Amino acid sequence: MIGKKAFYFLMNDRRFTGIPMVLETPKGDNELKNDRRNLALLRGMRKVKEAGK
């Protein structure tokens, strides 16, 4: 399992700015709710701005 700290560094590495990513996570009973929660967590970690924004 990759911890939150590793994702923080990944989300803030300028080399990945503007690059689409795929997030694969285990699914529970409510897939959409879990996906939205995980994406919100990752987006909240982002400190660098996306290209053109």
PDB file of N, CA and C in Angstrom:
ATOM      1  N   MET A   1       0.845  -1.185   0.000  1.00  0.00           N
ATOM      2  CA  MET A   1       0.000   0.000   0.000  1.00  0.00           C
ATOM      3  C   MET A   1       0.888   1.245   0.000  1.00  0.00           C
ATOM      4  N   ILE A   2       0.510   2.206  -0.813  1.00  0.00           N
ATOM      5  CA  ILE A   2       1.226   3.479  -0.868  1.00  0.00           C
ATOM      6  C   ILE A   2       0.555   4.424   0.121  1.00  0.00           C
ATOM      7  N   GLY A   3       1.330   5.048   0.963  1.00  0.00           N
ATOM      8  CA  GLY A   3       0.787   5.963   1.963  1.00  0.00           C
ATOM      9  C   GLY A   3       0.455   7.334   1.402  1.00  0.00           C
ATOM     10  N   LYS A   4      -0.227   8.140   2.219  1.00  0.00           N
ATOM     11  CA  LYS A   4      -0.634   9.484   1.799  1.00  0.00           C
ATOM     12  C   LYS A   4       0.559  10.378   1.496  1.00  0.00           C
ATOM     13  N   LYS A   5       1.656  10.191   2.226  1.00  0.00           N
ATOM     14  CA  LYS A   5       2.831  11.038   2.002  1.00  0.00           C
ATOM     15  C   LYS A   5       3.374  10.864   0.587  1.00  0.00           C
ATOM     16  N   ALA A   6       3.406   9.631   0.103  1.00  0.00           N
ATOM     17  CA  ALA A   6       3.883   9.375  -1.265  1.00  0.00           C
ATOM     18  C   ALA A   6       2.973  10.045  -2.288  1.00  0.00           C
ATOM     19  N   PHE A   7       1.667   9.982  -2.066  1.00  0.00           N
ATOM     20  CA  PHE A   7       0.736  10.637  -2.986  1.00  0.00           C
ATOM     21  C   PHE A   7       0.886  12.151  -2.941  1.00  0.00           C
ATOM     22  N   TYR A   8       1.171  12.706  -1.763  1.00  0.00           N
ATOM     23  CA  TYR A   8       1.392  14.142  -1.646  1.00  0.00           C
ATOM     24  C   TYR A   8       2.559  14.558  -2.551  1.00  0.00           C
ATOM     25  N   PHE A   9       3.668  13.812  -2.483  1.00  0.00           N
ATOM     26  CA  PHE A   9       4.822  14.143  -3.313  1.00  0.00           C
ATOM     27  C   PHE A   9       4.499  13.975  -4.797  1.00  0.00           C
ATOM     28  N   LEU A  10       3.776  12.936  -5.146  1.00  0.00           N
ATOM     29  CA  LEU A  10       3.390  12.705  -6.538  1.00  0.00           C
ATOM     30  C   LEU A  10       2.496  13.828  -7.053  1.00  0.00           C
ATOM     31  N   MET A  11       1.533  14.242  -6.252  1.00  0.00           N
ATOM     32  CA  MET A  11       0.596  15.283  -6.675  1.00  0.00           C
ATOM     33  C   MET A  11       1.263  16.653  -6.792  1.00  0.00           C
ATOM     34  N   ASN A  12       2.430  16.824  -6.169  1.00  0.00           N
ATOM     35  CA  ASN A  12       3.099  18.121  -6.178  1.00  0.00           C
ATOM     36  C   ASN A  12       4.409  18.124  -6.954  1.00  0.00           C
ATOM     37  N   ASP A  13       4.657  17.097  -7.714  1.00  0.00           N
ATOM     38  CA  ASP A  13       5.845  17.039  -8.566  1.00  0.00           C
ATOM     39  C   ASP A  13       5.499  17.743  -9.873  1.00  0.00           C
ATOM     40  N   ARG A  14       6.159  18.843 -10.133  1.00  0.00           N
ATOM     41  CA  ARG A  14       5.855  19.663 -11.321  1.00  0.00           C
ATOM     42  C   ARG A  14       6.001  18.889 -12.629  1.00  0.00           C
ATOM     43  N   ARG A  15       6.757  17.809 -12.633  1.00  0.00           N
ATOM     44  CA  ARG A  15       6.917  17.027 -13.863  1.00  0.00           C
ATOM     45  C   ARG A  15       5.602  16.378 -14.294  1.00  0.00           C
ATOM     46  N   PHE A  16       4.659  16.246 -13.378  1.00  0.00           N
ATOM     47  CA  PHE A  16       3.382  15.623 -13.694  1.00  0.00           C
ATOM     48  C   PHE A  16       2.251  16.639 -13.906  1.00  0.00           C
ATOM     49  N   THR A  17       2.562  17.921 -13.813  1.00  0.00           N
ATOM     50  CA  THR A  17       1.548  18.954 -13.991  1.00  0.00           C
ATOM     51  C   THR A  17       0.924  18.851 -15.381  1.00  0.00           C
ATOM     52  N   GLY A  18      -0.396  18.747 -15.431  1.00  0.00           N
ATOM     53  CA  GLY A  18      -1.116  18.677 -16.696  1.00  0.00           C
ATOM     54  C   GLY A  18      -1.143  17.293 -17.328  1.00  0.00           C
ATOM     55  N   ILE A  19      -0.531  16.310 -16.686  1.00  0.00           N
ATOM     56  CA  ILE A  19      -0.503  14.946 -17.207  1.00  0.00           C
ATOM     57  C   ILE A  19      -1.698  14.174 -16.632  1.00  0.00           C
ATOM     58  N   PRO A  20      -2.529  13.579 -17.473  1.00  0.00           N
ATOM     59  CA  PRO A  20      -3.642  12.776 -16.955  1.00  0.00           C
ATOM     60  C   PRO A  20      -3.108  11.580 -16.166  1.00  0.00           C
ATOM     61  N   MET A  21      -3.817  11.213 -15.123  1.00  0.00           N
ATOM     62  CA  MET A  21      -3.417  10.083 -14.287  1.00  0.00           C
ATOM     63  C   MET A  21      -4.594   9.140 -14.096  1.00  0.00           C
ATOM     64  N   VAL A  22      -4.283   7.902 -13.772  1.00  0.00           N
ATOM     65  CA  VAL A  22      -5.296   6.887 -13.480  1.00  0.00           C
ATOM     66  C   VAL A  22      -5.131   6.485 -12.025  1.00  0.00           C
ATOM     67  N   LEU A  23      -6.218   6.453 -11.308  1.00  0.00           N
ATOM     68  CA  LEU A  23      -6.195   6.048  -9.906  1.00  0.00           C
ATOM     69  C   LEU A  23      -7.001   4.768  -9.767  1.00  0.00           C
ATOM     70  N   GLU A  24      -6.326   3.705  -9.385  1.00  0.00           N
ATOM     71  CA  GLU A  24      -7.010   2.430  -9.166  1.00  0.00           C
ATOM     72  C   GLU A  24      -7.070   2.175  -7.670  1.00  0.00           C
ATOM     73  N   THR A  25      -8.277   2.003  -7.163  1.00  0.00           N
ATOM     74  CA  THR A  25      -8.473   1.783  -5.731  1.00  0.00           C
ATOM     75  C   THR A  25      -9.407   0.603  -5.523  1.00  0.00           C
ATOM     76  N   PRO A  26      -9.303  -0.024  -4.357  1.00  0.00           N
ATOM     77  CA  PRO A  26     -10.268  -1.089  -4.043  1.00  0.00           C
ATOM     78  C   PRO A  26     -11.675  -0.496  -3.971  1.00  0.00           C
ATOM     79  N   LYS A  27     -12.640  -1.240  -4.420  1.00  0.00           N
ATOM     80  CA  LYS A  27     -14.025  -0.759  -4.416  1.00  0.00           C
ATOM     81  C   LYS A  27     -14.784  -1.385  -3.258  1.00  0.00           C
ATOM     82  N   GLY A  28     -15.596  -0.565  -2.638  1.00  0.00           N
ATOM     83  CA  GLY A  28     -16.457  -1.049  -1.561  1.00  0.00           C
ATOM     84  C   GLY A  28     -17.884  -1.127  -2.054  1.00  0.00           C
ATOM     85  N   ASP A  29     -18.803  -0.956  -1.137  1.00  0.00           N
ATOM     86  CA  ASP A  29     -20.227  -1.031  -1.475  1.00  0.00           C
ATOM     87  C   ASP A  29     -20.681   0.129  -2.351  1.00  0.00           C
ATOM     88  N   ASN A  30     -20.139   1.320  -2.109  1.00  0.00           N
ATOM     89  CA  ASN A  30     -20.571   2.504  -2.841  1.00  0.00           C
ATOM     90  C   ASN A  30     -19.393   3.020  -3.668  1.00  0.00           C
ATOM     91  N   GLU A  31     -19.224   2.485  -4.871  1.00  0.00           N
ATOM     92  CA  GLU A  31     -18.071   2.796  -5.708  1.00  0.00           C
ATOM     93  C   GLU A  31     -17.950   4.282  -6.026  1.00  0.00           C
ATOM     94  N   LEU A  32     -19.022   4.909  -6.458  1.00  0.00           N
ATOM     95  CA  LEU A  32     -18.975   6.317  -6.847  1.00  0.00           C
ATOM     96  C   LEU A  32     -18.611   7.201  -5.657  1.00  0.00           C
ATOM     97  N   LYS A  33     -19.197   6.950  -4.512  1.00  0.00           N
ATOM     98  CA  LYS A  33     -18.899   7.737  -3.311  1.00  0.00           C
ATOM     99  C   LYS A  33     -17.425   7.593  -2.934  1.00  0.00           C
ATOM    100  N   ASN A  34     -16.907   6.367  -2.983  1.00  0.00           N
ATOM    101  CA  ASN A  34     -15.502   6.130  -2.644  1.00  0.00           C
ATOM    102  C   ASN A  34     -14.576   6.805  -3.643  1.00  0.00           C
ATOM    103  N   ASP A  35     -14.901   6.743  -4.930  1.00  0.00           N
ATOM    104  CA  ASP A  35     -14.081   7.405  -5.949  1.00  0.00           C
ATOM    105  C   ASP A  35     -14.060   8.915  -5.738  1.00  0.00           C
ATOM    106  N   ARG A  36     -15.201   9.500  -5.472  1.00  0.00           N
ATOM    107  CA  ARG A  36     -15.268  10.959  -5.242  1.00  0.00           C
ATOM    108  C   ARG A  36     -14.465  11.358  -4.013  1.00  0.00           C
ATOM    109  N   ARG A  37     -14.552  10.563  -2.951  1.00  0.00           N
ATOM    110  CA  ARG A  37     -13.805  10.860  -1.723  1.00  0.00           C
ATOM    111  C   ARG A  37     -12.298  10.779  -1.987  1.00  0.00           C
ATOM    112  N   ASN A  38     -11.868   9.736  -2.693  1.00  0.00           N
ATOM    113  CA  ASN A  38     -10.439   9.581  -2.983  1.00  0.00           C
ATOM    114  C   ASN A  38      -9.920  10.699  -3.880  1.00  0.00           C
ATOM    115  N   LEU A  39     -10.683  11.090  -4.885  1.00  0.00           N
ATOM    116  CA  LEU A  39     -10.267  12.188  -5.761  1.00  0.00           C
ATOM    117  C   LEU A  39     -10.199  13.507  -5.000  1.00  0.00           C
ATOM    118  N   ALA A  40     -11.152  13.747  -4.124  1.00  0.00           N
ATOM    119  CA  ALA A  40     -11.141  14.972  -3.320  1.00  0.00           C
ATOM    120  C   ALA A  40      -9.902  15.011  -2.423  1.00  0.00           C
ATOM    121  N   LEU A  41      -9.546  13.872  -1.853  1.00  0.00           N
ATOM    122  CA  LEU A  41      -8.356  13.794  -1.011  1.00  0.00           C
ATOM    123  C   LEU A  41      -7.112  14.147  -1.818  1.00  0.00           C
ATOM    124  N   LEU A  42      -6.970  13.556  -3.000  1.00  0.00           N
ATOM    125  CA  LEU A  42      -5.801  13.834  -3.835  1.00  0.00           C
ATOM    126  C   LEU A  42      -5.771  15.280  -4.313  1.00  0.00           C
ATOM    127  N   ARG A  43      -6.895  15.784  -4.749  1.00  0.00           N
ATOM    128  CA  ARG A  43      -6.942  17.176  -5.224  1.00  0.00           C
ATOM    129  C   ARG A  43      -6.632  18.152  -4.101  1.00  0.00           C
ATOM    130  N   GLY A  44      -7.013  17.803  -2.892  1.00  0.00           N
ATOM    131  CA  GLY A  44      -6.716  18.638  -1.734  1.00  0.00           C
ATOM    132  C   GLY A  44      -5.226  18.679  -1.410  1.00  0.00           C
ATOM    133  N   MET A  45      -4.490  17.685  -1.841  1.00  0.00           N
ATOM    134  CA  MET A  45      -3.045  17.623  -1.611  1.00  0.00           C
ATOM    135  C   MET A  45      -2.276  18.478  -2.602  1.00  0.00           C
ATOM    136  N   ARG A  46      -2.890  18.821  -3.711  1.00  0.00           N
ATOM    137  CA  ARG A  46      -2.203  19.502  -4.806  1.00  0.00           C
ATOM    138  C   ARG A  46      -1.876  20.937  -4.442  1.00  0.00           C
ATOM    139  N   LYS A  47      -0.597  21.281  -4.540  1.00  0.00           N
ATOM    140  CA  LYS A  47      -0.141  22.644  -4.255  1.00  0.00           C
ATOM    141  C   LYS A  47       0.257  23.386  -5.522  1.00  0.00           C
ATOM    142  N   VAL A  48       0.674  22.663  -6.570  1.00  0.00           N
ATOM    143  CA  VAL A  48       1.086  23.285  -7.826  1.00  0.00           C
ATOM    144  C   VAL A  48      -0.132  23.528  -8.704  1.00  0.00           C
ATOM    145  N   LYS A  49      -0.078  24.576  -9.501  1.00  0.00           N
ATOM    146  CA  LYS A  49      -1.196  24.871 -10.394  1.00  0.00           C
ATOM    147  C   LYS A  49      -1.038  24.110 -11.687  1.00  0.00           C
ATOM    148  N   GLU A  50      -2.169  23.736 -12.272  1.00  0.00           N
ATOM    149  CA  GLU A  50      -2.153  23.044 -13.548  1.00  0.00           C
ATOM    150  C   GLU A  50      -1.791  24.017 -14.648  1.00  0.00           C
ATOM    151  N   ALA A  51      -1.221  23.496 -15.714  1.00  0.00           N
ATOM    152  CA  ALA A  51      -0.817  24.321 -16.849  1.00  0.00           C
ATOM    153  C   ALA A  51      -2.011  25.094 -17.393  1.00  0.00           C
ATOM    154  N   GLY A  52      -1.832  26.376 -17.622  1.00  0.00           N
ATOM    155  CA  GLY A  52      -2.875  27.212 -18.198  1.00  0.00           C
ATOM    156  C   GLY A  52      -3.890  27.724 -17.193  1.00  0.00           C
ATOM    157  N   LYS A  53      -3.681  27.448 -15.907  1.00  0.00           N
ATOM    158  CA  LYS A  53      -4.635  27.915 -14.888  1.00  0.00           C
ATOM    159  C   LYS A  53      -3.971  28.846 -13.912  1.00  0.00           C
TER     160      LYS A  53
END
